[in-house]
Amino acid sequence: MSRLNLRRLFGAPLLWAGLLLGIALPASADDYTKTRYPVVLVHGLFGFDALGGVYDYWFGIPQALRSGGAKVHVAQVAAANSNEVRGEELIDQLETLQALHGYSKFNLIGHSQGGPTARYVAAVRPDLVASMTSVGSPHAGSKVADFVGTVLPEGSPLRPLVASFVDAFADLIGLLSGSDDTQDSLAALKSLDSAGAARFNARYPQGKPVSACGAGAATVAGVAYYSFGGTSNATNGFDGSDIAMIAGGLLFGGEANDGLVGRCSSHWGQVIRDDYDWNHLDEVNQIAGLRGVFSANPTSVYRAQVNRLKNAGL
């Protein structure tokens, strides 16, 4: 029998068999971000989970992580308060998730003040934490916070007045995001300035860099520590928030920064990268995903980090 006749005899059945198998056996699901432990995202100062249940702080990021198999929860802590108060609120939420879902540990990812907040939990309750990743966090303090403290020093009559307005703003954020957490902007300021950060680091040094702009221990007490951040201010002409990032960047005296946090201040534990072409809001894909045309996609970077956790058995 000729080769052509053999193809006619067997080709069609084999083709149909392949098509039927394709129908019977679904394509393997994407498990790129399917970590052992669930991911919990922790927002920064004046942050939220979602405003009105519609607009996310972590714009598009939870969905991107879930698409690869990750279990993702978004924390809601005080919009403005100390690292410790926010950390205790986070502990309460992690314990609730444990009770509801039977989780044993969590992979915490914190942006801005969310980083020190997560660090507090990792330090005082390492039994709850598998890893802590900080994104654009002011671990050594922020020059913007230092500037505010200089303009409104202790004893200034304007200090409590301004604080009351800021607390009211934070209360509004809480109201719009369904939270009734106590707000204390002065406590937040003391956590985020250089002196406050130094005090916090002395109490909770796990993962602290061994030099001013170096890296720290990758794992402490069973908790893995990672960090990454950006070093741009103006990244998209259509993003009105860039104006605030440009203004903040002027306070750094030439030091690379993201508009609120210096490059070296973002270092903690294993430093993945500290110079993404992002400003402080780009780091969480804000505003509404606007960023530099040639900059890395934040959702892709978060997926890569969660994949890193997966590969580490976390």
C-alpha atoms as a PDB file:
ATOM      1  CA  MET A   1       0.000   0.000   0.000  1.00  0.00           C
ATOM      2  CA  SER A   2       1.364   3.382  -0.915  1.00  0.00           C
ATOM      3  CA  ARG A   3       2.417   5.969   1.683  1.00  0.00           C
ATOM      4  CA  LEU A   4      -0.374   8.254   0.452  1.00  0.00           C
ATOM      5  CA  ASN A   5      -3.005   5.565   1.022  1.00  0.00           C
ATOM      6  CA  LEU A   6      -1.627   4.898   4.528  1.00  0.00           C
ATOM      7  CA  ARG A   7      -2.063   8.568   5.384  1.00  0.00           C
ATOM      8  CA  ARG A   8      -5.628   8.441   4.120  1.00  0.00           C
ATOM      9  CA  LEU A   9      -6.319   5.278   6.099  1.00  0.00           C
ATOM     10  CA  PHE A  10      -4.873   6.339   9.456  1.00  0.00           C
ATOM     11  CA  GLY A  11      -4.580  10.128   9.265  1.00  0.00           C
ATOM     12  CA  ALA A  12      -8.236  11.038   9.714  1.00  0.00           C
ATOM     13  CA  PRO A  13      -8.878   8.729  12.724  1.00  0.00           C
ATOM     14  CA  LEU A  14      -5.717   9.924  14.416  1.00  0.00           C
ATOM     15  CA  LEU A  15      -6.742  13.531  13.844  1.00  0.00           C
ATOM     16  CA  TRP A  16     -10.186  12.939  15.333  1.00  0.00           C
ATOM     17  CA  ALA A  17      -8.687  11.037  18.267  1.00  0.00           C
ATOM     18  CA  GLY A  18      -6.408  13.981  18.990  1.00  0.00           C
ATOM     19  CA  LEU A  19      -9.298  16.408  18.866  1.00  0.00           C
ATOM     20  CA  LEU A  20     -11.385  14.238  21.196  1.00  0.00           C
ATOM     21  CA  LEU A  21      -8.505  13.971  23.669  1.00  0.00           C
ATOM     22  CA  GLY A  22      -8.150  17.737  23.591  1.00  0.00           C
ATOM     23  CA  ILE A  23     -11.799  18.075  24.547  1.00  0.00           C
ATOM     24  CA  ALA A  24     -11.689  15.374  27.221  1.00  0.00           C
ATOM     25  CA  LEU A  25      -8.496  16.604  28.852  1.00  0.00           C
ATOM     26  CA  PRO A  26      -8.583  20.340  29.679  1.00  0.00           C
ATOM     27  CA  ALA A  27      -5.453  22.388  29.242  1.00  0.00           C
ATOM     28  CA  SER A  28      -3.282  22.461  32.352  1.00  0.00           C
ATOM     29  CA  ALA A  29      -4.019  25.490  34.504  1.00  0.00           C
ATOM     30  CA  ASP A  30      -1.417  28.199  34.931  1.00  0.00           C
ATOM     31  CA  ASP A  31       0.298  27.499  38.259  1.00  0.00           C
ATOM     32  CA  TYR A  32       3.096  30.059  37.912  1.00  0.00           C
ATOM     33  CA  THR A  33       2.102  31.798  41.163  1.00  0.00           C
ATOM     34  CA  LYS A  34       0.640  28.818  43.020  1.00  0.00           C
ATOM     35  CA  THR A  35       2.507  29.180  46.301  1.00  0.00           C
ATOM     36  CA  ARG A  36       2.330  26.829  49.264  1.00  0.00           C
ATOM     37  CA  TYR A  37       1.106  29.636  51.513  1.00  0.00           C
ATOM     38  CA  PRO A  38      -1.434  32.344  50.603  1.00  0.00           C
ATOM     39  CA  VAL A  39      -0.348  35.873  49.701  1.00  0.00           C
ATOM     40  CA  VAL A  40      -1.533  38.830  51.791  1.00  0.00           C
ATOM     41  CA  LEU A  41      -1.092  42.334  50.360  1.00  0.00           C
ATOM     42  CA  VAL A  42      -0.557  45.121  52.932  1.00  0.00           C
ATOM     43  CA  HIS A  43      -1.135  48.723  51.871  1.00  0.00           C
ATOM     44  CA  GLY A  44       0.872  51.780  52.870  1.00  0.00           C
ATOM     45  CA  LEU A  45       0.091  55.175  54.395  1.00  0.00           C
ATOM     46  CA  PHE A  46      -3.321  56.534  53.314  1.00  0.00           C
ATOM     47  CA  GLY A  47      -3.938  53.188  51.680  1.00  0.00           C
ATOM     48  CA  PHE A  48      -6.962  50.934  51.513  1.00  0.00           C
ATOM     49  CA  ASP A  49      -8.104  47.621  50.131  1.00  0.00           C
ATOM     50  CA  ALA A  50     -10.721  49.032  47.759  1.00  0.00           C
ATOM     51  CA  LEU A  51     -12.550  52.369  47.768  1.00  0.00           C
ATOM     52  CA  GLY A  52     -16.279  51.840  47.630  1.00  0.00           C
ATOM     53  CA  GLY A  53     -15.583  48.184  46.958  1.00  0.00           C
ATOM     54  CA  VAL A  54     -14.680  49.171  43.405  1.00  0.00           C
ATOM     55  CA  TYR A  55     -11.298  50.883  43.064  1.00  0.00           C
ATOM     56  CA  ASP A  56      -8.327  48.805  44.231  1.00  0.00           C
ATOM     57  CA  TYR A  57      -5.170  50.127  45.863  1.00  0.00           C
ATOM     58  CA  TRP A  58      -3.286  47.185  44.293  1.00  0.00           C
ATOM     59  CA  PHE A  59      -4.571  47.977  40.806  1.00  0.00           C
ATOM     60  CA  GLY A  60      -4.840  44.703  38.856  1.00  0.00           C
ATOM     61  CA  ILE A  61      -2.260  42.933  41.016  1.00  0.00           C
ATOM     62  CA  PRO A  62      -4.470  40.496  43.000  1.00  0.00           C
ATOM     63  CA  GLN A  63      -6.114  39.369  39.762  1.00  0.00           C
ATOM     64  CA  ALA A  64      -2.730  38.859  38.073  1.00  0.00           C
ATOM     65  CA  LEU A  65      -1.525  36.710  40.967  1.00  0.00           C
ATOM     66  CA  ARG A  66      -4.736  34.690  41.176  1.00  0.00           C
ATOM     67  CA  SER A  67      -4.556  33.991  37.439  1.00  0.00           C
ATOM     68  CA  GLY A  68      -1.472  31.899  38.150  1.00  0.00           C
ATOM     69  CA  GLY A  69      -3.005  29.931  40.998  1.00  0.00           C
ATOM     70  CA  ALA A  70      -2.131  32.077  44.026  1.00  0.00           C
ATOM     71  CA  LYS A  71      -4.549  32.479  46.893  1.00  0.00           C
ATOM     72  CA  VAL A  72      -4.574  36.218  47.532  1.00  0.00           C
ATOM     73  CA  HIS A  73      -6.050  38.283  50.350  1.00  0.00           C
ATOM     74  CA  VAL A  74      -5.896  42.073  50.648  1.00  0.00           C
ATOM     75  CA  ALA A  75      -5.440  43.418  54.174  1.00  0.00           C
ATOM     76  CA  GLN A  76      -7.175  46.537  55.482  1.00  0.00           C
ATOM     77  CA  VAL A  77      -5.283  48.280  58.280  1.00  0.00           C
ATOM     78  CA  ALA A  78      -5.366  51.874  59.515  1.00  0.00           C
ATOM     79  CA  ALA A  79      -4.744  54.418  56.764  1.00  0.00           C
ATOM     80  CA  ALA A  80      -2.595  56.426  59.194  1.00  0.00           C
ATOM     81  CA  ASN A  81      -1.052  55.030  62.367  1.00  0.00           C
ATOM     82  CA  SER A  82       2.175  53.566  63.721  1.00  0.00           C
ATOM     83  CA  ASN A  83       3.797  50.421  62.360  1.00  0.00           C
ATOM     84  CA  GLU A  84       2.987  48.634  65.604  1.00  0.00           C
ATOM     85  CA  VAL A  85      -0.715  49.528  65.680  1.00  0.00           C
ATOM     86  CA  ARG A  86      -1.107  48.600  62.026  1.00  0.00           C
ATOM     87  CA  GLY A  87       0.869  45.419  62.677  1.00  0.00           C
ATOM     88  CA  GLU A  88      -1.451  44.329  65.476  1.00  0.00           C
ATOM     89  CA  GLU A  89      -4.422  44.945  63.187  1.00  0.00           C
ATOM     90  CA  LEU A  90      -2.756  42.784  60.564  1.00  0.00           C
ATOM     91  CA  ILE A  91      -2.157  40.002  63.090  1.00  0.00           C
ATOM     92  CA  ASP A  92      -5.873  39.999  63.932  1.00  0.00           C
ATOM     93  CA  GLN A  93      -6.725  39.622  60.237  1.00  0.00           C
ATOM     94  CA  LEU A  94      -4.208  36.810  59.710  1.00  0.00           C
ATOM     95  CA  GLU A  95      -5.593  34.931  62.689  1.00  0.00           C
ATOM     96  CA  THR A  96      -9.105  35.357  61.286  1.00  0.00           C
ATOM     97  CA  LEU A  97      -7.954  33.961  57.926  1.00  0.00           C
ATOM     98  CA  GLN A  98      -6.377  31.041  59.766  1.00  0.00           C
ATOM     99  CA  ALA A  99      -9.631  30.294  61.561  1.00  0.00           C
ATOM    100  CA  LEU A 100     -11.726  30.592  58.396  1.00  0.00           C
ATOM    101  CA  HIS A 101      -9.506  28.735  55.936  1.00  0.00           C
ATOM    102  CA  GLY A 102      -7.099  26.645  58.008  1.00  0.00           C
ATOM    103  CA  TYR A 103      -3.990  28.415  56.708  1.00  0.00           C
ATOM    104  CA  SER A 104      -0.812  27.897  58.708  1.00  0.00           C
ATOM    105  CA  LYS A 105       1.378  30.750  57.401  1.00  0.00           C
ATOM    106  CA  PHE A 106       1.279  33.656  54.972  1.00  0.00           C
ATOM    107  CA  ASN A 107       3.460  35.362  52.375  1.00  0.00           C
ATOM    108  CA  LEU A 108       3.190  39.056  53.245  1.00  0.00           C
ATOM    109  CA  ILE A 109       3.809  41.706  50.569  1.00  0.00           C
ATOM    110  CA  GLY A 110       3.794  45.283  51.856  1.00  0.00           C
ATOM    111  CA  HIS A 111       4.010  48.514  49.923  1.00  0.00           C
ATOM    112  CA  SER A 112       5.449  51.662  51.507  1.00  0.00           C
ATOM    113  CA  GLN A 113       4.529  51.605  55.224  1.00  0.00           C
ATOM    114  CA  GLY A 114       3.030  48.202  54.550  1.00  0.00           C
ATOM    115  CA  GLY A 115       6.615  46.911  54.558  1.00  0.00           C
ATOM    116  CA  PRO A 116       7.458  47.881  58.168  1.00  0.00           C
ATOM    117  CA  THR A 117       3.926  46.833  59.152  1.00  0.00           C
ATOM    118  CA  ALA A 118       4.583  43.355  57.760  1.00  0.00           C
ATOM    119  CA  ARG A 119       8.051  43.326  59.325  1.00  0.00           C
ATOM    120  CA  TYR A 120       6.499  43.926  62.746  1.00  0.00           C
ATOM    121  CA  VAL A 121       4.275  40.876  62.304  1.00  0.00           C
ATOM    122  CA  ALA A 122       7.183  38.760  61.064  1.00  0.00           C
ATOM    123  CA  ALA A 123       9.244  39.789  64.107  1.00  0.00           C
ATOM    124  CA  VAL A 124       6.647  39.289  66.858  1.00  0.00           C
ATOM    125  CA  ARG A 125       4.691  36.424  65.251  1.00  0.00           C
ATOM    126  CA  PRO A 126       7.094  34.512  62.988  1.00  0.00           C
ATOM    127  CA  ASP A 127       4.801  31.508  63.356  1.00  0.00           C
ATOM    128  CA  LEU A 128       2.341  33.338  61.090  1.00  0.00           C
ATOM    129  CA  VAL A 129       4.788  34.390  58.373  1.00  0.00           C
ATOM    130  CA  ALA A 130       6.549  32.393  55.674  1.00  0.00           C
ATOM    131  CA  SER A 131       7.977  35.423  53.867  1.00  0.00           C
ATOM    132  CA  MET A 132       7.924  39.211  53.919  1.00  0.00           C
ATOM    133  CA  THR A 133       8.423  41.207  50.722  1.00  0.00           C
ATOM    134  CA  SER A 134       8.564  44.996  50.909  1.00  0.00           C
ATOM    135  CA  VAL A 135       8.002  47.275  47.930  1.00  0.00           C
ATOM    136  CA  GLY A 136       9.229  50.880  48.047  1.00  0.00           C
ATOM    137  CA  SER A 137       9.253  50.836  51.853  1.00  0.00           C
ATOM    138  CA  PRO A 138      11.044  53.542  53.912  1.00  0.00           C
ATOM    139  CA  HIS A 139      13.000  51.153  56.115  1.00  0.00           C
ATOM    140  CA  ALA A 140      15.542  53.880  56.886  1.00  0.00           C
ATOM    141  CA  GLY A 141      12.864  56.580  56.955  1.00  0.00           C
ATOM    142  CA  SER A 142      11.691  59.057  54.339  1.00  0.00           C
ATOM    143  CA  LYS A 143      13.133  62.504  53.715  1.00  0.00           C
ATOM    144  CA  VAL A 144       9.590  63.652  53.007  1.00  0.00           C
ATOM    145  CA  ALA A 145       8.560  62.658  56.540  1.00  0.00           C
ATOM    146  CA  ASP A 146      11.685  64.385  57.879  1.00  0.00           C
ATOM    147  CA  PHE A 147      10.695  67.553  56.026  1.00  0.00           C
ATOM    148  CA  VAL A 148       7.158  67.484  57.448  1.00  0.00           C
ATOM    149  CA  GLY A 149       8.600  67.046  60.940  1.00  0.00           C
ATOM    150  CA  THR A 150      10.884  70.036  60.418  1.00  0.00           C
ATOM    151  CA  VAL A 151       8.064  72.262  59.155  1.00  0.00           C
ATOM    152  CA  LEU A 152       5.759  71.114  61.975  1.00  0.00           C
ATOM    153  CA  PRO A 153       8.105  70.464  64.917  1.00  0.00           C
ATOM    154  CA  GLU A 154       7.081  69.199  68.343  1.00  0.00           C
ATOM    155  CA  GLY A 155       5.460  72.056  70.255  1.00  0.00           C
ATOM    156  CA  SER A 156       4.298  73.909  67.164  1.00  0.00           C
ATOM    157  CA  PRO A 157       0.657  75.045  67.555  1.00  0.00           C
ATOM    158  CA  LEU A 158       0.089  74.127  63.906  1.00  0.00           C
ATOM    159  CA  ARG A 159       1.154  70.514  64.424  1.00  0.00           C
ATOM    160  CA  PRO A 160      -2.040  69.258  66.153  1.00  0.00           C
ATOM    161  CA  LEU A 161      -4.199  71.411  63.877  1.00  0.00           C
ATOM    162  CA  VAL A 162      -2.711  69.944  60.711  1.00  0.00           C
ATOM    163  CA  ALA A 163      -2.817  66.465  62.270  1.00  0.00           C
ATOM    164  CA  SER A 164      -6.550  66.804  62.882  1.00  0.00           C
ATOM    165  CA  PHE A 165      -7.150  67.552  59.200  1.00  0.00           C
ATOM    166  CA  VAL A 166      -4.931  64.656  58.121  1.00  0.00           C
ATOM    167  CA  ASP A 167      -6.695  62.313  60.549  1.00  0.00           C
ATOM    168  CA  ALA A 168     -10.036  63.426  59.095  1.00  0.00           C
ATOM    169  CA  PHE A 169      -8.732  62.594  55.613  1.00  0.00           C
ATOM    170  CA  ALA A 170      -7.599  59.176  56.835  1.00  0.00           C
ATOM    171  CA  ASP A 171     -11.023  58.653  58.444  1.00  0.00           C
ATOM    172  CA  LEU A 172     -12.630  59.416  55.088  1.00  0.00           C
ATOM    173  CA  ILE A 173     -10.448  56.792  53.421  1.00  0.00           C
ATOM    174  CA  GLY A 174     -11.495  54.350  56.130  1.00  0.00           C
ATOM    175  CA  LEU A 175     -15.157  55.190  55.624  1.00  0.00           C
ATOM    176  CA  LEU A 176     -14.943  54.714  51.854  1.00  0.00           C
ATOM    177  CA  SER A 177     -13.163  51.388  52.285  1.00  0.00           C
ATOM    178  CA  GLY A 178     -15.465  50.072  55.016  1.00  0.00           C
ATOM    179  CA  SER A 179     -12.967  50.411  57.868  1.00  0.00           C
ATOM    180  CA  ASP A 180     -13.383  51.956  61.313  1.00  0.00           C
ATOM    181  CA  ASP A 181      -9.722  51.710  62.337  1.00  0.00           C
ATOM    182  CA  THR A 182      -8.372  54.449  64.627  1.00  0.00           C
ATOM    183  CA  GLN A 183      -6.301  57.017  62.735  1.00  0.00           C
ATOM    184  CA  ASP A 184      -3.248  58.784  64.192  1.00  0.00           C
ATOM    185  CA  SER A 185      -1.235  60.704  61.611  1.00  0.00           C
ATOM    186  CA  LEU A 186       1.336  61.911  64.148  1.00  0.00           C
ATOM    187  CA  ALA A 187       2.073  58.314  65.137  1.00  0.00           C
ATOM    188  CA  ALA A 188       2.476  57.514  61.435  1.00  0.00           C
ATOM    189  CA  LEU A 189       4.861  60.446  61.005  1.00  0.00           C
ATOM    190  CA  LYS A 190       7.008  59.265  63.915  1.00  0.00           C
ATOM    191  CA  SER A 191       7.169  55.800  62.325  1.00  0.00           C
ATOM    192  CA  LEU A 192       8.192  57.099  58.918  1.00  0.00           C
ATOM    193  CA  ASP A 193      10.820  59.742  59.684  1.00  0.00           C
ATOM    194  CA  SER A 194      14.492  58.799  59.936  1.00  0.00           C
ATOM    195  CA  ALA A 195      14.638  58.836  63.730  1.00  0.00           C
ATOM    196  CA  GLY A 196      11.486  56.751  64.083  1.00  0.00           C
ATOM    197  CA  ALA A 197      12.686  54.241  61.515  1.00  0.00           C
ATOM    198  CA  ALA A 198      16.000  53.883  63.375  1.00  0.00           C
ATOM    199  CA  ARG A 199      14.159  53.155  66.631  1.00  0.00           C
ATOM    200  CA  PHE A 200      11.917  50.632  64.915  1.00  0.00           C
ATOM    201  CA  ASN A 201      14.897  48.916  63.246  1.00  0.00           C
ATOM    202  CA  ALA A 202      16.675  48.618  66.602  1.00  0.00           C
ATOM    203  CA  ARG A 203      13.656  46.808  68.049  1.00  0.00           C
ATOM    204  CA  TYR A 204      12.964  44.657  64.994  1.00  0.00           C
ATOM    205  CA  PRO A 205      16.246  44.158  63.096  1.00  0.00           C
ATOM    206  CA  GLN A 206      15.358  40.909  61.317  1.00  0.00           C
ATOM    207  CA  GLY A 207      16.605  41.262  57.731  1.00  0.00           C
ATOM    208  CA  LYS A 208      18.299  44.618  58.334  1.00  0.00           C
ATOM    209  CA  PRO A 209      20.995  45.459  55.734  1.00  0.00           C
ATOM    210  CA  VAL A 210      24.543  45.047  56.987  1.00  0.00           C
ATOM    211  CA  SER A 211      25.536  48.349  55.353  1.00  0.00           C
ATOM    212  CA  ALA A 212      23.749  51.602  54.568  1.00  0.00           C
ATOM    213  CA  CYS A 213      22.861  50.539  51.032  1.00  0.00           C
ATOM    214  CA  GLY A 214      23.441  46.822  51.208  1.00  0.00           C
ATOM    215  CA  ALA A 215      21.354  43.716  51.732  1.00  0.00           C
ATOM    216  CA  GLY A 216      20.348  41.879  54.889  1.00  0.00           C
ATOM    217  CA  ALA A 217      19.896  38.276  55.903  1.00  0.00           C
ATOM    218  CA  ALA A 218      17.676  36.439  53.434  1.00  0.00           C
ATOM    219  CA  THR A 219      16.089  34.291  56.149  1.00  0.00           C
ATOM    220  CA  VAL A 220      15.642  34.949  59.873  1.00  0.00           C
ATOM    221  CA  ALA A 221      13.753  32.700  62.291  1.00  0.00           C
ATOM    222  CA  GLY A 222      12.289  30.796  59.361  1.00  0.00           C
ATOM    223  CA  VAL A 223      10.976  33.936  57.636  1.00  0.00           C
ATOM    224  CA  ALA A 224      12.324  34.864  54.183  1.00  0.00           C
ATOM    225  CA  TYR A 225      12.892  38.605  53.601  1.00  0.00           C
ATOM    226  CA  TYR A 226      12.857  40.315  50.193  1.00  0.00           C
ATOM    227  CA  SER A 227      12.617  43.881  48.893  1.00  0.00           C
ATOM    228  CA  PHE A 228      12.391  45.845  45.656  1.00  0.00           C
ATOM    229  CA  GLY A 229      11.546  49.408  44.636  1.00  0.00           C
ATOM    230  CA  GLY A 230      11.720  52.171  42.059  1.00  0.00           C
ATOM    231  CA  THR A 231      13.808  55.284  41.423  1.00  0.00           C
ATOM    232  CA  SER A 232      11.760  57.534  39.154  1.00  0.00           C
ATOM    233  CA  ASN A 233       9.543  60.553  39.828  1.00  0.00           C
ATOM    234  CA  ALA A 234       7.809  61.663  36.614  1.00  0.00           C
ATOM    235  CA  THR A 235       6.897  58.606  34.558  1.00  0.00           C
ATOM    236  CA  ASN A 236       3.734  59.431  32.604  1.00  0.00           C
ATOM    237  CA  GLY A 237       2.547  62.833  31.385  1.00  0.00           C
ATOM    238  CA  PHE A 238      -1.087  61.770  31.703  1.00  0.00           C
ATOM    239  CA  ASP A 239      -0.712  60.882  35.393  1.00  0.00           C
ATOM    240  CA  GLY A 240      -1.495  63.939  37.525  1.00  0.00           C
ATOM    241  CA  SER A 241      -0.066  62.269  40.645  1.00  0.00           C
ATOM    242  CA  ASP A 242       3.421  62.558  39.138  1.00  0.00           C
ATOM    243  CA  ILE A 243       3.429  66.209  40.239  1.00  0.00           C
ATOM    244  CA  ALA A 244       3.463  65.128  43.887  1.00  0.00           C
ATOM    245  CA  MET A 245       6.219  62.606  43.178  1.00  0.00           C
ATOM    246  CA  ILE A 246       8.333  65.304  41.495  1.00  0.00           C
ATOM    247  CA  ALA A 247       7.843  67.622  44.493  1.00  0.00           C
ATOM    248  CA  GLY A 248       8.777  64.894  46.938  1.00  0.00           C
ATOM    249  CA  GLY A 249      11.821  63.943  44.916  1.00  0.00           C
ATOM    250  CA  LEU A 250      13.238  67.462  45.281  1.00  0.00           C
ATOM    251  CA  LEU A 251      13.810  66.784  48.987  1.00  0.00           C
ATOM    252  CA  PHE A 252      16.335  64.016  48.367  1.00  0.00           C
ATOM    253  CA  GLY A 253      19.228  66.205  47.278  1.00  0.00           C
ATOM    254  CA  GLY A 254      20.223  64.144  44.254  1.00  0.00           C
ATOM    255  CA  GLU A 255      19.735  60.744  45.890  1.00  0.00           C
ATOM    256  CA  ALA A 256      17.872  58.289  43.655  1.00  0.00           C
ATOM    257  CA  ASN A 257      14.300  57.977  44.905  1.00  0.00           C
ATOM    258  CA  ASP A 258      10.723  57.151  43.924  1.00  0.00           C
ATOM    259  CA  GLY A 259       9.314  60.504  45.050  1.00  0.00           C
ATOM    260  CA  LEU A 260       8.800  59.455  48.661  1.00  0.00           C
ATOM    261  CA  VAL A 261      11.443  56.826  49.453  1.00  0.00           C
ATOM    262  CA  GLY A 262      15.170  56.778  48.737  1.00  0.00           C
ATOM    263  CA  ARG A 263      16.723  53.886  46.826  1.00  0.00           C
ATOM    264  CA  CYS A 264      18.824  52.647  49.733  1.00  0.00           C
ATOM    265  CA  SER A 265      16.003  53.106  52.242  1.00  0.00           C
ATOM    266  CA  SER A 266      13.958  50.534  50.299  1.00  0.00           C
ATOM    267  CA  HIS A 267      16.552  47.811  50.989  1.00  0.00           C
ATOM    268  CA  TRP A 268      15.630  44.979  53.350  1.00  0.00           C
ATOM    269  CA  GLY A 269      16.641  41.324  53.353  1.00  0.00           C
ATOM    270  CA  GLN A 270      17.426  40.016  49.877  1.00  0.00           C
ATOM    271  CA  VAL A 271      17.257  42.974  47.485  1.00  0.00           C
ATOM    272  CA  ILE A 272      15.641  41.821  44.244  1.00  0.00           C
ATOM    273  CA  ARG A 273      16.061  45.158  42.475  1.00  0.00           C
ATOM    274  CA  ASP A 274      16.053  48.776  43.654  1.00  0.00           C
ATOM    275  CA  ASP A 275      15.891  50.812  40.444  1.00  0.00           C
ATOM    276  CA  TYR A 276      12.722  49.998  38.533  1.00  0.00           C
ATOM    277  CA  ASP A 277      11.588  52.903  36.373  1.00  0.00           C
ATOM    278  CA  TRP A 278       8.664  53.538  38.747  1.00  0.00           C
ATOM    279  CA  ASN A 279       7.640  56.229  41.169  1.00  0.00           C
ATOM    280  CA  HIS A 280       6.038  55.443  44.519  1.00  0.00           C
ATOM    281  CA  LEU A 281       2.547  54.992  43.082  1.00  0.00           C
ATOM    282  CA  ASP A 282       3.702  53.054  40.018  1.00  0.00           C
ATOM    283  CA  GLU A 283       4.941  50.434  42.481  1.00  0.00           C
ATOM    284  CA  VAL A 284       1.326  49.388  43.059  1.00  0.00           C
ATOM    285  CA  ASN A 285       0.279  50.008  39.437  1.00  0.00           C
ATOM    286  CA  GLN A 286      -1.336  53.390  40.211  1.00  0.00           C
ATOM    287  CA  ILE A 287      -2.875  55.557  38.976  1.00  0.00           C
ATOM    288  CA  ALA A 288      -5.055  53.032  37.066  1.00  0.00           C
ATOM    289  CA  GLY A 289      -1.994  51.415  35.526  1.00  0.00           C
ATOM    290  CA  LEU A 290      -0.387  54.596  34.143  1.00  0.00           C
ATOM    291  CA  ARG A 291       3.405  54.361  34.091  1.00  0.00           C
ATOM    292  CA  GLY A 292       6.407  54.924  31.856  1.00  0.00           C
ATOM    293  CA  VAL A 293       6.068  53.516  28.330  1.00  0.00           C
ATOM    294  CA  PHE A 294       9.224  51.425  28.615  1.00  0.00           C
ATOM    295  CA  SER A 295       8.996  50.604  32.329  1.00  0.00           C
ATOM    296  CA  ALA A 296       8.469  47.097  33.685  1.00  0.00           C
ATOM    297  CA  ASN A 297       4.860  46.036  34.118  1.00  0.00           C
ATOM    298  CA  PRO A 298       4.241  45.965  37.905  1.00  0.00           C
ATOM    299  CA  THR A 299       1.833  43.034  37.628  1.00  0.00           C
ATOM    300  CA  SER A 300       4.519  40.999  35.860  1.00  0.00           C
ATOM    301  CA  VAL A 301       7.094  41.893  38.523  1.00  0.00           C
ATOM    302  CA  TYR A 302       4.732  40.830  41.310  1.00  0.00           C
ATOM    303  CA  ARG A 303       4.014  37.580  39.480  1.00  0.00           C
ATOM    304  CA  ALA A 304       7.754  36.948  39.167  1.00  0.00           C
ATOM    305  CA  GLN A 305       8.247  37.577  42.886  1.00  0.00           C
ATOM    306  CA  VAL A 306       5.427  35.229  43.854  1.00  0.00           C
ATOM    307  CA  ASN A 307       6.870  32.638  41.480  1.00  0.00           C
ATOM    308  CA  ARG A 308      10.163  33.098  43.340  1.00  0.00           C
ATOM    309  CA  LEU A 309       8.314  32.322  46.580  1.00  0.00           C
ATOM    310  CA  LYS A 310       6.753  29.268  44.977  1.00  0.00           C
ATOM    311  CA  ASN A 311      10.143  27.972  43.839  1.00  0.00           C
ATOM    312  CA  ALA A 312      11.475  28.496  47.366  1.00  0.00           C
ATOM    313  CA  GLY A 313       8.743  26.215  48.686  1.00  0.00           C
ATOM    314  CA  LEU A 314       6.844  29.082  50.241  1.00  0.00           C
END
